[in-house]
Amino acid sequence: MTAGRTVSTIGDSIVIKGELIANEDLVLEGRVEGKITSNRNVLTVGEHGRVEATIVGNTVVVAGKVRGDITAAEKIDFRDTGSVEGDIAAPVVVMAPGVRFLGGIDMPQPQGAERTAARGRDRR
């Protein structure tokens, strides 16, 4: 989360079923079932968060439990209390020791990286 940006929190007593779309940084401490989209911001599944959903975001931080696939444009960051059952895809994946992960990982090159790599091969 970045200073000066709006951050909303879904508290641990809240249950959401359906589609959740966030246009600001969001911390989930409650339970969400369905689909979560946060394309330009940081989505954090807090330590008390329980998610059974497909997550599509820019940066996703997992400190709670997620059951479902996660796709991030920039990064997925797993904290030591995090748990994921599902496939993940992001150019950068960070996993702290202690993370429980069951699924597949796809780490595509960030946009523009293919051109940079090709230029490097051309110079040889």
C-alpha atoms as a PDB file:
ATOM      1  CA  MET A   1       0.000   0.000   0.000  1.00  0.00           C
ATOM      2  CA  THR A   2       1.230   3.434  -0.870  1.00  0.00           C
ATOM      3  CA  ALA A   3       1.039   6.600   1.217  1.00  0.00           C
ATOM      4  CA  GLY A   4      -1.658   8.983   0.051  1.00  0.00           C
ATOM      5  CA  ARG A   5      -3.774   6.249  -1.566  1.00  0.00           C
ATOM      6  CA  THR A   6      -7.211   5.236  -0.367  1.00  0.00           C
ATOM      7  CA  VAL A   7      -7.333   1.866   1.399  1.00  0.00           C
ATOM      8  CA  SER A   8     -10.580   0.049   2.171  1.00  0.00           C
ATOM      9  CA  THR A   9     -10.931  -2.897   4.543  1.00  0.00           C
ATOM     10  CA  ILE A  10     -13.463  -5.728   4.480  1.00  0.00           C
ATOM     11  CA  GLY A  11     -13.679  -6.677   8.182  1.00  0.00           C
ATOM     12  CA  ASP A  12     -13.448 -10.213   9.535  1.00  0.00           C
ATOM     13  CA  SER A  13     -17.192 -10.419  10.281  1.00  0.00           C
ATOM     14  CA  ILE A  14     -18.206  -9.631   6.683  1.00  0.00           C
ATOM     15  CA  VAL A  15     -19.111 -12.280   4.081  1.00  0.00           C
ATOM     16  CA  ILE A  16     -19.368 -11.349   0.400  1.00  0.00           C
ATOM     17  CA  LYS A  17     -20.740 -13.737  -2.226  1.00  0.00           C
ATOM     18  CA  GLY A  18     -20.526 -12.686  -5.857  1.00  0.00           C
ATOM     19  CA  GLU A  19     -18.240 -10.329  -7.756  1.00  0.00           C
ATOM     20  CA  LEU A  20     -16.074  -7.754  -5.953  1.00  0.00           C
ATOM     21  CA  ILE A  21     -14.407  -4.998  -8.001  1.00  0.00           C
ATOM     22  CA  ALA A  22     -11.952  -2.672  -6.254  1.00  0.00           C
ATOM     23  CA  ASN A  23     -10.628   0.580  -7.700  1.00  0.00           C
ATOM     24  CA  GLU A  24      -8.522   1.356  -4.634  1.00  0.00           C
ATOM     25  CA  ASP A  25      -6.202  -0.609  -2.367  1.00  0.00           C
ATOM     26  CA  LEU A  26      -8.219  -3.256  -0.549  1.00  0.00           C
ATOM     27  CA  VAL A  27      -7.541  -5.381   2.549  1.00  0.00           C
ATOM     28  CA  LEU A  28      -9.735  -8.467   2.952  1.00  0.00           C
ATOM     29  CA  GLU A  29     -10.031  -9.731   6.521  1.00  0.00           C
ATOM     30  CA  GLY A  30     -13.480 -11.247   5.973  1.00  0.00           C
ATOM     31  CA  ARG A  31     -14.727 -13.991   3.684  1.00  0.00           C
ATOM     32  CA  VAL A  32     -15.226 -13.612  -0.072  1.00  0.00           C
ATOM     33  CA  GLU A  33     -16.689 -16.202  -2.441  1.00  0.00           C
ATOM     34  CA  GLY A  34     -16.881 -15.604  -6.196  1.00  0.00           C
ATOM     35  CA  LYS A  35     -14.573 -13.317  -8.187  1.00  0.00           C
ATOM     36  CA  ILE A  36     -12.316 -10.440  -7.116  1.00  0.00           C
ATOM     37  CA  THR A  37     -10.893  -7.873  -9.543  1.00  0.00           C
ATOM     38  CA  SER A  38      -8.422  -5.119  -8.605  1.00  0.00           C
ATOM     39  CA  ASN A  39      -6.554  -4.178 -11.782  1.00  0.00           C
ATOM     40  CA  ARG A  40      -4.605  -1.067 -10.772  1.00  0.00           C
ATOM     41  CA  ASN A  41      -4.124  -1.447  -7.048  1.00  0.00           C
ATOM     42  CA  VAL A  42      -2.871  -3.619  -4.216  1.00  0.00           C
ATOM     43  CA  LEU A  43      -5.216  -6.352  -3.027  1.00  0.00           C
ATOM     44  CA  THR A  44      -4.275  -7.865   0.337  1.00  0.00           C
ATOM     45  CA  VAL A  45      -5.827 -11.011   1.768  1.00  0.00           C
ATOM     46  CA  GLY A  46      -5.143 -10.362   5.453  1.00  0.00           C
ATOM     47  CA  GLU A  47      -4.272 -13.010   8.051  1.00  0.00           C
ATOM     48  CA  HIS A  48      -7.964 -13.434   8.937  1.00  0.00           C
ATOM     49  CA  GLY A  49      -9.079 -13.337   5.291  1.00  0.00           C
ATOM     50  CA  ARG A  50     -10.708 -16.425   3.757  1.00  0.00           C
ATOM     51  CA  VAL A  51     -11.180 -16.307   0.001  1.00  0.00           C
ATOM     52  CA  GLU A  52     -12.814 -18.873  -2.265  1.00  0.00           C
ATOM     53  CA  ALA A  53     -12.591 -16.955  -5.490  1.00  0.00           C
ATOM     54  CA  THR A  54     -10.726 -16.244  -8.674  1.00  0.00           C
ATOM     55  CA  ILE A  55      -8.515 -13.203  -8.097  1.00  0.00           C
ATOM     56  CA  VAL A  56      -7.337 -10.897 -10.897  1.00  0.00           C
ATOM     57  CA  GLY A  57      -5.217  -7.965  -9.812  1.00  0.00           C
ATOM     58  CA  ASN A  58      -2.185  -5.797 -10.264  1.00  0.00           C
ATOM     59  CA  THR A  59      -0.371  -6.690  -7.024  1.00  0.00           C
ATOM     60  CA  VAL A  60      -1.787  -9.380  -4.730  1.00  0.00           C
ATOM     61  CA  VAL A  61      -0.530  -9.973  -1.182  1.00  0.00           C
ATOM     62  CA  VAL A  62      -1.618 -13.203   0.522  1.00  0.00           C
ATOM     63  CA  ALA A  63      -1.368 -13.480   4.310  1.00  0.00           C
ATOM     64  CA  GLY A  64      -4.619 -15.437   4.779  1.00  0.00           C
ATOM     65  CA  LYS A  65      -6.217 -18.397   3.001  1.00  0.00           C
ATOM     66  CA  VAL A  66      -7.079 -18.451  -0.695  1.00  0.00           C
ATOM     67  CA  ARG A  67      -8.769 -21.269  -2.541  1.00  0.00           C
ATOM     68  CA  GLY A  68      -8.835 -20.319  -6.206  1.00  0.00           C
ATOM     69  CA  ASP A  69      -6.613 -19.082  -9.018  1.00  0.00           C
ATOM     70  CA  ILE A  70      -4.673 -15.812  -8.753  1.00  0.00           C
ATOM     71  CA  THR A  71      -3.466 -13.751 -11.726  1.00  0.00           C
ATOM     72  CA  ALA A  72      -1.455 -10.565 -11.128  1.00  0.00           C
ATOM     73  CA  ALA A  73      -0.067  -8.128 -13.697  1.00  0.00           C
ATOM     74  CA  GLU A  74       2.920  -7.153 -11.502  1.00  0.00           C
ATOM     75  CA  LYS A  75       3.459  -9.363  -8.442  1.00  0.00           C
ATOM     76  CA  ILE A  76       2.072 -11.944  -6.039  1.00  0.00           C
ATOM     77  CA  ASP A  77       3.574 -11.733  -2.542  1.00  0.00           C
ATOM     78  CA  PHE A  78       2.939 -14.635  -0.138  1.00  0.00           C
ATOM     79  CA  ARG A  79       3.483 -13.874   3.543  1.00  0.00           C
ATOM     80  CA  ASP A  80       4.499 -16.627   5.976  1.00  0.00           C
ATOM     81  CA  THR A  81       0.898 -17.006   7.210  1.00  0.00           C
ATOM     82  CA  GLY A  82      -0.440 -17.368   3.652  1.00  0.00           C
ATOM     83  CA  SER A  83      -2.062 -20.445   2.180  1.00  0.00           C
ATOM     84  CA  VAL A  84      -3.103 -21.003  -1.444  1.00  0.00           C
ATOM     85  CA  GLU A  85      -4.827 -23.875  -3.211  1.00  0.00           C
ATOM     86  CA  GLY A  86      -4.944 -22.918  -6.882  1.00  0.00           C
ATOM     87  CA  ASP A  87      -2.862 -21.888  -9.851  1.00  0.00           C
ATOM     88  CA  ILE A  88      -1.022 -18.568  -9.861  1.00  0.00           C
ATOM     89  CA  ALA A  89       0.347 -16.406 -12.670  1.00  0.00           C
ATOM     90  CA  ALA A  90       2.507 -13.277 -12.299  1.00  0.00           C
ATOM     91  CA  PRO A  91       5.872 -12.026 -13.619  1.00  0.00           C
ATOM     92  CA  VAL A  92       7.150 -11.841 -10.011  1.00  0.00           C
ATOM     93  CA  VAL A  93       6.227 -14.319  -7.257  1.00  0.00           C
ATOM     94  CA  VAL A  94       7.605 -13.897  -3.727  1.00  0.00           C
ATOM     95  CA  MET A  95       7.103 -16.684  -1.170  1.00  0.00           C
ATOM     96  CA  ALA A  96       8.096 -16.324   2.461  1.00  0.00           C
ATOM     97  CA  PRO A  97       9.213 -19.427   4.358  1.00  0.00           C
ATOM     98  CA  GLY A  98       6.203 -21.199   5.858  1.00  0.00           C
ATOM     99  CA  VAL A  99       3.775 -20.547   2.985  1.00  0.00           C
ATOM    100  CA  ARG A 100       1.437 -23.423   2.156  1.00  0.00           C
ATOM    101  CA  PHE A 101       0.997 -23.664  -1.614  1.00  0.00           C
ATOM    102  CA  LEU A 102      -0.734 -26.321  -3.705  1.00  0.00           C
ATOM    103  CA  GLY A 103      -1.030 -25.548  -7.409  1.00  0.00           C
ATOM    104  CA  GLY A 104       0.862 -24.495 -10.497  1.00  0.00           C
ATOM    105  CA  ILE A 105       2.944 -21.384 -11.145  1.00  0.00           C
ATOM    106  CA  ASP A 106       3.217 -19.470 -14.436  1.00  0.00           C
ATOM    107  CA  MET A 107       5.743 -16.605 -14.472  1.00  0.00           C
ATOM    108  CA  PRO A 108       5.425 -14.811 -17.831  1.00  0.00           C
ATOM    109  CA  GLN A 109       7.968 -12.169 -18.726  1.00  0.00           C
ATOM    110  CA  PRO A 110       6.856  -8.605 -17.949  1.00  0.00           C
ATOM    111  CA  GLN A 111       5.795  -6.576 -20.983  1.00  0.00           C
ATOM    112  CA  GLY A 112       8.861  -5.224 -22.762  1.00  0.00           C
ATOM    113  CA  ALA A 113      11.195  -7.880 -21.326  1.00  0.00           C
ATOM    114  CA  GLU A 114      11.032  -9.936 -24.526  1.00  0.00           C
ATOM    115  CA  ARG A 115      12.284  -6.976 -26.560  1.00  0.00           C
ATOM    116  CA  THR A 116      15.116  -6.310 -24.097  1.00  0.00           C
ATOM    117  CA  ALA A 117      16.177  -9.982 -24.163  1.00  0.00           C
ATOM    118  CA  ALA A 118      16.074 -10.027 -27.965  1.00  0.00           C
ATOM    119  CA  ARG A 119      18.271  -6.894 -28.178  1.00  0.00           C
ATOM    120  CA  GLY A 120      20.794  -8.565 -25.860  1.00  0.00           C
ATOM    121  CA  ARG A 121      20.964 -11.640 -28.143  1.00  0.00           C
ATOM    122  CA  ASP A 122      21.411  -9.419 -31.221  1.00  0.00           C
ATOM    123  CA  ARG A 123      24.541  -7.836 -29.722  1.00  0.00           C
ATOM    124  CA  ARG A 124      26.415 -11.119 -29.439  1.00  0.00           C
END
